[in-house]
Amino acid sequence: MAKTYKDLEIYQLSYALAVEVHEFSLKLPTHELYEEGGQLRRSSKGIVSCIAEGYGRKRYKAEFIRFLVFAHASCDESISHLNLIKDIYEGLKNEAGSLVDSYEELGGKINRFIDYVEKHWKN
């Protein structure tokens, strides 16, 4: 069992992706840095925050699951922003597509972790 939220694979992956997305978002045209770029940065960092906050509530199974669901929703939001960037900015298409693939993998891992918590987590 994880001793802290930092031991969770989904936390480690989401944190690394949030750093990568932050750097990626700075490649957007200036007018998009605070529009699509800001939305993308917030959603990607939201995954990290929800996992950490949910783990802090792990004593309460329903609360833990609730925050994991929020993390998954932010993962889907990040994918949506990345797909828009991929379709609008040809020069960022490959990098955005790679990030979409990584977030889809993360989303699957979050879903599997939610299933695990639902079935095996003790209050």
N, C-alpha and C. Protein backbone atom coordinates (compact mmCIF):
# COMPACT_ATOMS: atom_id res chain seq x y z
N MET A 1 0.84 -1.19 0.00
CA MET A 1 0.00 0.00 0.00
C MET A 1 0.89 1.25 0.00
N ALA A 2 0.41 2.27 -0.65
CA ALA A 2 1.13 3.54 -0.73
C ALA A 2 1.16 4.21 0.64
N LYS A 3 2.32 4.73 1.00
CA LYS A 3 2.45 5.45 2.28
C LYS A 3 1.99 6.89 2.14
N THR A 4 2.20 7.46 0.97
CA THR A 4 1.73 8.82 0.68
C THR A 4 1.19 8.85 -0.75
N TYR A 5 0.50 9.92 -1.08
CA TYR A 5 -0.01 10.06 -2.45
C TYR A 5 1.12 10.03 -3.47
N LYS A 6 2.32 10.44 -3.06
CA LYS A 6 3.45 10.46 -3.99
C LYS A 6 3.88 9.06 -4.42
N ASP A 7 3.46 8.05 -3.67
CA ASP A 7 3.79 6.67 -4.02
C ASP A 7 2.84 6.09 -5.07
N LEU A 8 1.73 6.75 -5.31
CA LEU A 8 0.76 6.25 -6.29
C LEU A 8 1.27 6.46 -7.70
N GLU A 9 1.20 5.42 -8.51
CA GLU A 9 1.65 5.52 -9.90
C GLU A 9 0.87 6.61 -10.65
N ILE A 10 -0.44 6.70 -10.39
CA ILE A 10 -1.24 7.71 -11.10
C ILE A 10 -0.81 9.12 -10.72
N TYR A 11 -0.36 9.30 -9.49
CA TYR A 11 0.15 10.62 -9.08
C TYR A 11 1.46 10.91 -9.81
N GLN A 12 2.36 9.97 -9.80
CA GLN A 12 3.66 10.16 -10.44
C GLN A 12 3.51 10.46 -11.93
N LEU A 13 2.64 9.71 -12.60
CA LEU A 13 2.41 9.94 -14.03
C LEU A 13 1.76 11.30 -14.28
N SER A 14 0.74 11.63 -13.48
CA SER A 14 0.04 12.90 -13.69
C SER A 14 0.96 14.08 -13.40
N TYR A 15 1.81 13.96 -12.41
CA TYR A 15 2.75 15.03 -12.09
C TYR A 15 3.73 15.25 -13.24
N ALA A 16 4.32 14.15 -13.73
CA ALA A 16 5.27 14.25 -14.85
C ALA A 16 4.58 14.84 -16.08
N LEU A 17 3.36 14.43 -16.35
CA LEU A 17 2.63 14.97 -17.50
C LEU A 17 2.29 16.44 -17.31
N ALA A 18 1.96 16.85 -16.10
CA ALA A 18 1.65 18.26 -15.85
C ALA A 18 2.86 19.14 -16.12
N VAL A 19 4.03 18.67 -15.74
CA VAL A 19 5.26 19.42 -16.02
C VAL A 19 5.49 19.48 -17.53
N GLU A 20 5.32 18.35 -18.20
CA GLU A 20 5.50 18.30 -19.66
C GLU A 20 4.49 19.20 -20.37
N VAL A 21 3.25 19.17 -19.93
CA VAL A 21 2.20 20.00 -20.54
C VAL A 21 2.47 21.47 -20.31
N HIS A 22 2.95 21.82 -19.13
CA HIS A 22 3.27 23.22 -18.85
C HIS A 22 4.30 23.74 -19.87
N GLU A 23 5.35 22.98 -20.05
CA GLU A 23 6.39 23.36 -21.01
C GLU A 23 5.84 23.39 -22.43
N PHE A 24 5.04 22.40 -22.78
CA PHE A 24 4.43 22.35 -24.11
C PHE A 24 3.54 23.56 -24.35
N SER A 25 2.75 23.94 -23.37
CA SER A 25 1.80 25.04 -23.54
C SER A 25 2.49 26.37 -23.84
N LEU A 26 3.73 26.50 -23.40
CA LEU A 26 4.47 27.74 -23.65
C LEU A 26 4.91 27.87 -25.11
N LYS A 27 4.72 26.82 -25.89
CA LYS A 27 5.03 26.85 -27.32
C LYS A 27 3.86 27.39 -28.14
N LEU A 28 2.72 27.56 -27.49
CA LEU A 28 1.54 28.09 -28.19
C LEU A 28 1.77 29.53 -28.61
N PRO A 29 1.07 29.99 -29.64
CA PRO A 29 1.17 31.40 -30.02
C PRO A 29 0.79 32.28 -28.83
N THR A 30 1.35 33.46 -28.78
CA THR A 30 1.16 34.38 -27.66
C THR A 30 -0.31 34.56 -27.29
N HIS A 31 -1.17 34.73 -28.29
CA HIS A 31 -2.58 34.95 -27.99
C HIS A 31 -3.26 33.73 -27.37
N GLU A 32 -2.65 32.56 -27.44
CA GLU A 32 -3.22 31.34 -26.85
C GLU A 32 -2.61 31.00 -25.48
N LEU A 33 -1.56 31.69 -25.08
CA LEU A 33 -0.91 31.35 -23.80
C LEU A 33 -1.88 31.42 -22.64
N TYR A 34 -2.77 32.40 -22.65
CA TYR A 34 -3.69 32.58 -21.53
C TYR A 34 -5.09 32.09 -21.85
N GLU A 35 -5.32 31.68 -23.06
CA GLU A 35 -6.62 31.12 -23.44
C GLU A 35 -6.53 29.60 -23.34
N GLU A 36 -6.31 28.95 -24.45
CA GLU A 36 -6.23 27.49 -24.47
C GLU A 36 -5.08 26.98 -23.60
N GLY A 37 -3.96 27.68 -23.64
CA GLY A 37 -2.81 27.26 -22.84
C GLY A 37 -3.11 27.27 -21.35
N GLY A 38 -3.77 28.32 -20.88
CA GLY A 38 -4.12 28.41 -19.47
C GLY A 38 -5.10 27.33 -19.05
N GLN A 39 -6.08 27.08 -19.90
CA GLN A 39 -7.06 26.03 -19.61
C GLN A 39 -6.37 24.67 -19.53
N LEU A 40 -5.47 24.42 -20.47
CA LEU A 40 -4.75 23.15 -20.49
C LEU A 40 -3.88 23.00 -19.24
N ARG A 41 -3.16 24.05 -18.88
CA ARG A 41 -2.32 23.98 -17.68
C ARG A 41 -3.16 23.71 -16.44
N ARG A 42 -4.29 24.39 -16.31
CA ARG A 42 -5.15 24.19 -15.13
C ARG A 42 -5.72 22.77 -15.08
N SER A 43 -6.18 22.27 -16.20
CA SER A 43 -6.77 20.92 -16.18
C SER A 43 -5.71 19.86 -15.89
N SER A 44 -4.53 20.01 -16.46
CA SER A 44 -3.49 19.00 -16.22
C SER A 44 -3.00 19.04 -14.78
N LYS A 45 -2.88 20.23 -14.21
CA LYS A 45 -2.46 20.34 -12.81
C LYS A 45 -3.60 19.95 -11.87
N GLY A 46 -4.84 20.08 -12.35
CA GLY A 46 -5.99 19.66 -11.55
C GLY A 46 -5.99 18.16 -11.28
N ILE A 47 -5.50 17.38 -12.21
CA ILE A 47 -5.42 15.93 -12.01
C ILE A 47 -4.53 15.64 -10.80
N VAL A 48 -3.36 16.27 -10.81
CA VAL A 48 -2.39 16.09 -9.73
C VAL A 48 -3.00 16.48 -8.39
N SER A 49 -3.64 17.65 -8.37
CA SER A 49 -4.23 18.16 -7.13
C SER A 49 -5.34 17.26 -6.61
N CYS A 50 -6.18 16.78 -7.49
CA CYS A 50 -7.30 15.92 -7.06
C CYS A 50 -6.81 14.59 -6.51
N ILE A 51 -5.78 14.03 -7.10
CA ILE A 51 -5.23 12.78 -6.58
C ILE A 51 -4.65 13.01 -5.19
N ALA A 52 -3.90 14.08 -5.03
CA ALA A 52 -3.31 14.38 -3.72
C ALA A 52 -4.39 14.65 -2.68
N GLU A 53 -5.37 15.48 -3.03
CA GLU A 53 -6.43 15.80 -2.07
C GLU A 53 -7.28 14.58 -1.75
N GLY A 54 -7.58 13.79 -2.76
CA GLY A 54 -8.36 12.58 -2.53
C GLY A 54 -7.64 11.62 -1.61
N TYR A 55 -6.34 11.48 -1.80
CA TYR A 55 -5.56 10.59 -0.94
C TYR A 55 -5.59 11.09 0.50
N GLY A 56 -5.58 12.40 0.65
CA GLY A 56 -5.68 12.98 1.99
C GLY A 56 -7.00 12.65 2.67
N ARG A 57 -7.99 12.26 1.88
CA ARG A 57 -9.30 11.88 2.42
C ARG A 57 -9.52 10.37 2.35
N LYS A 58 -8.44 9.63 2.19
CA LYS A 58 -8.54 8.18 1.97
C LYS A 58 -9.25 7.44 3.08
N ARG A 59 -9.29 8.02 4.25
CA ARG A 59 -10.01 7.42 5.38
C ARG A 59 -11.50 7.28 5.05
N TYR A 60 -11.99 8.17 4.20
CA TYR A 60 -13.39 8.18 3.80
C TYR A 60 -13.47 7.71 2.35
N LYS A 61 -13.75 6.46 2.17
CA LYS A 61 -13.72 5.82 0.85
C LYS A 61 -14.49 6.61 -0.20
N ALA A 62 -15.71 7.04 0.13
CA ALA A 62 -16.53 7.76 -0.85
C ALA A 62 -15.88 9.08 -1.27
N GLU A 63 -15.25 9.76 -0.33
CA GLU A 63 -14.56 11.02 -0.64
C GLU A 63 -13.35 10.76 -1.52
N PHE A 64 -12.61 9.71 -1.20
CA PHE A 64 -11.44 9.34 -2.00
C PHE A 64 -11.87 9.09 -3.44
N ILE A 65 -12.91 8.29 -3.61
CA ILE A 65 -13.41 7.98 -4.95
C ILE A 65 -13.89 9.24 -5.66
N ARG A 66 -14.57 10.09 -4.93
CA ARG A 66 -15.08 11.35 -5.51
C ARG A 66 -13.94 12.17 -6.13
N PHE A 67 -12.84 12.30 -5.40
CA PHE A 67 -11.73 13.08 -5.92
C PHE A 67 -11.00 12.36 -7.05
N LEU A 68 -10.98 11.04 -7.03
CA LEU A 68 -10.41 10.30 -8.16
C LEU A 68 -11.25 10.49 -9.41
N VAL A 69 -12.57 10.56 -9.23
CA VAL A 69 -13.47 10.84 -10.37
C VAL A 69 -13.20 12.25 -10.91
N PHE A 70 -12.98 13.22 -10.00
CA PHE A 70 -12.63 14.58 -10.44
C PHE A 70 -11.31 14.55 -11.23
N ALA A 71 -10.35 13.76 -10.75
CA ALA A 71 -9.06 13.64 -11.46
C ALA A 71 -9.27 13.08 -12.86
N HIS A 72 -10.14 12.08 -12.96
CA HIS A 72 -10.41 11.50 -14.28
C HIS A 72 -11.09 12.53 -15.19
N ALA A 73 -12.00 13.30 -14.64
CA ALA A 73 -12.67 14.33 -15.44
C ALA A 73 -11.68 15.37 -15.93
N SER A 74 -10.73 15.76 -15.09
CA SER A 74 -9.70 16.71 -15.51
C SER A 74 -8.79 16.10 -16.56
N CYS A 75 -8.58 14.80 -16.48
CA CYS A 75 -7.80 14.10 -17.50
C CYS A 75 -8.52 14.18 -18.85
N ASP A 76 -9.83 13.93 -18.84
CA ASP A 76 -10.61 14.05 -20.07
C ASP A 76 -10.59 15.48 -20.60
N GLU A 77 -10.67 16.46 -19.69
CA GLU A 77 -10.61 17.86 -20.11
C GLU A 77 -9.26 18.16 -20.76
N SER A 78 -8.18 17.65 -20.19
CA SER A 78 -6.86 17.88 -20.77
C SER A 78 -6.78 17.29 -22.18
N ILE A 79 -7.34 16.11 -22.36
CA ILE A 79 -7.37 15.48 -23.69
C ILE A 79 -8.13 16.36 -24.67
N SER A 80 -9.25 16.91 -24.24
CA SER A 80 -10.05 17.78 -25.10
C SER A 80 -9.25 19.01 -25.54
N HIS A 81 -8.57 19.66 -24.59
CA HIS A 81 -7.76 20.84 -24.95
C HIS A 81 -6.62 20.46 -25.89
N LEU A 82 -5.98 19.34 -25.62
CA LEU A 82 -4.88 18.91 -26.48
C LEU A 82 -5.36 18.58 -27.89
N ASN A 83 -6.54 17.97 -27.99
CA ASN A 83 -7.08 17.68 -29.33
C ASN A 83 -7.38 18.96 -30.09
N LEU A 84 -7.90 19.97 -29.41
CA LEU A 84 -8.14 21.26 -30.08
C LEU A 84 -6.82 21.85 -30.58
N ILE A 85 -5.80 21.84 -29.73
CA ILE A 85 -4.49 22.37 -30.13
C ILE A 85 -3.94 21.57 -31.31
N LYS A 86 -4.07 20.26 -31.25
CA LYS A 86 -3.59 19.39 -32.33
C LYS A 86 -4.26 19.72 -33.65
N ASP A 87 -5.57 20.00 -33.60
CA ASP A 87 -6.31 20.27 -34.83
C ASP A 87 -6.17 21.70 -35.34
N ILE A 88 -5.79 22.61 -34.46
CA ILE A 88 -5.67 24.02 -34.86
C ILE A 88 -4.25 24.38 -35.26
N TYR A 89 -3.26 23.83 -34.57
CA TYR A 89 -1.86 24.23 -34.79
C TYR A 89 -1.05 23.06 -35.36
N GLU A 90 -0.89 23.09 -36.67
CA GLU A 90 -0.20 22.01 -37.39
C GLU A 90 1.19 21.73 -36.81
N GLY A 91 1.91 22.78 -36.45
CA GLY A 91 3.28 22.61 -35.94
C GLY A 91 3.36 21.92 -34.59
N LEU A 92 2.24 21.84 -33.89
CA LEU A 92 2.21 21.21 -32.57
C LEU A 92 1.47 19.87 -32.58
N LYS A 93 1.06 19.46 -33.78
CA LYS A 93 0.21 18.28 -33.94
C LYS A 93 0.83 17.02 -33.34
N ASN A 94 2.08 16.73 -33.67
CA ASN A 94 2.72 15.50 -33.21
C ASN A 94 2.90 15.47 -31.70
N GLU A 95 3.38 16.59 -31.17
CA GLU A 95 3.62 16.65 -29.72
C GLU A 95 2.29 16.58 -28.95
N ALA A 96 1.28 17.28 -29.45
CA ALA A 96 -0.03 17.24 -28.80
C ALA A 96 -0.62 15.83 -28.88
N GLY A 97 -0.45 15.18 -30.02
CA GLY A 97 -0.95 13.82 -30.20
C GLY A 97 -0.28 12.84 -29.24
N SER A 98 1.00 13.01 -29.03
CA SER A 98 1.73 12.16 -28.09
C SER A 98 1.22 12.38 -26.66
N LEU A 99 0.95 13.63 -26.33
CA LEU A 99 0.40 13.93 -25.00
C LEU A 99 -1.00 13.36 -24.84
N VAL A 100 -1.81 13.41 -25.90
CA VAL A 100 -3.15 12.80 -25.85
C VAL A 100 -3.01 11.32 -25.53
N ASP A 101 -2.10 10.64 -26.21
CA ASP A 101 -1.88 9.21 -25.96
C ASP A 101 -1.51 8.96 -24.50
N SER A 102 -0.64 9.80 -23.96
CA SER A 102 -0.21 9.65 -22.57
C SER A 102 -1.36 9.88 -21.60
N TYR A 103 -2.19 10.87 -21.90
CA TYR A 103 -3.34 11.14 -21.02
C TYR A 103 -4.40 10.06 -21.14
N GLU A 104 -4.55 9.48 -22.31
CA GLU A 104 -5.50 8.36 -22.44
C GLU A 104 -5.04 7.17 -21.62
N GLU A 105 -3.74 6.92 -21.64
CA GLU A 105 -3.18 5.85 -20.80
C GLU A 105 -3.39 6.17 -19.32
N LEU A 106 -3.13 7.40 -18.93
CA LEU A 106 -3.35 7.81 -17.54
C LEU A 106 -4.81 7.66 -17.14
N GLY A 107 -5.73 8.05 -18.02
CA GLY A 107 -7.15 7.92 -17.74
C GLY A 107 -7.54 6.47 -17.47
N GLY A 108 -6.97 5.56 -18.23
CA GLY A 108 -7.23 4.13 -18.00
C GLY A 108 -6.72 3.69 -16.64
N LYS A 109 -5.55 4.17 -16.27
CA LYS A 109 -4.97 3.82 -14.97
C LYS A 109 -5.80 4.41 -13.83
N ILE A 110 -6.28 5.62 -14.01
CA ILE A 110 -7.14 6.22 -12.98
C ILE A 110 -8.41 5.40 -12.83
N ASN A 111 -9.02 5.00 -13.95
CA ASN A 111 -10.23 4.18 -13.91
C ASN A 111 -9.99 2.86 -13.18
N ARG A 112 -8.87 2.22 -13.48
CA ARG A 112 -8.55 0.95 -12.82
C ARG A 112 -8.32 1.17 -11.33
N PHE A 113 -7.70 2.29 -10.97
CA PHE A 113 -7.48 2.57 -9.55
C PHE A 113 -8.80 2.85 -8.84
N ILE A 114 -9.71 3.55 -9.51
CA ILE A 114 -11.05 3.77 -8.93
C ILE A 114 -11.72 2.42 -8.67
N ASP A 115 -11.66 1.52 -9.64
CA ASP A 115 -12.24 0.18 -9.47
C ASP A 115 -11.62 -0.53 -8.27
N TYR A 116 -10.29 -0.43 -8.16
CA TYR A 116 -9.59 -1.06 -7.04
C TYR A 116 -10.09 -0.49 -5.70
N VAL A 117 -10.15 0.82 -5.61
CA VAL A 117 -10.59 1.46 -4.37
C VAL A 117 -12.03 1.05 -4.05
N GLU A 118 -12.89 1.04 -5.05
CA GLU A 118 -14.29 0.65 -4.83
C GLU A 118 -14.40 -0.78 -4.26
N LYS A 119 -13.57 -1.67 -4.75
CA LYS A 119 -13.69 -3.08 -4.37
C LYS A 119 -12.87 -3.48 -3.16
N HIS A 120 -11.73 -2.81 -2.95
CA HIS A 120 -10.78 -3.33 -1.95
C HIS A 120 -10.41 -2.35 -0.84
N TRP A 121 -10.81 -1.10 -0.96
CA TRP A 121 -10.38 -0.10 0.02
C TRP A 121 -11.18 -0.26 1.30
N LYS A 122 -10.48 -0.23 2.40
CA LYS A 122 -11.13 -0.33 3.71
C LYS A 122 -11.35 1.07 4.25
N ASN A 123 -12.50 1.32 4.83
CA ASN A 123 -12.79 2.63 5.46
C ASN A 123 -11.99 2.79 6.73
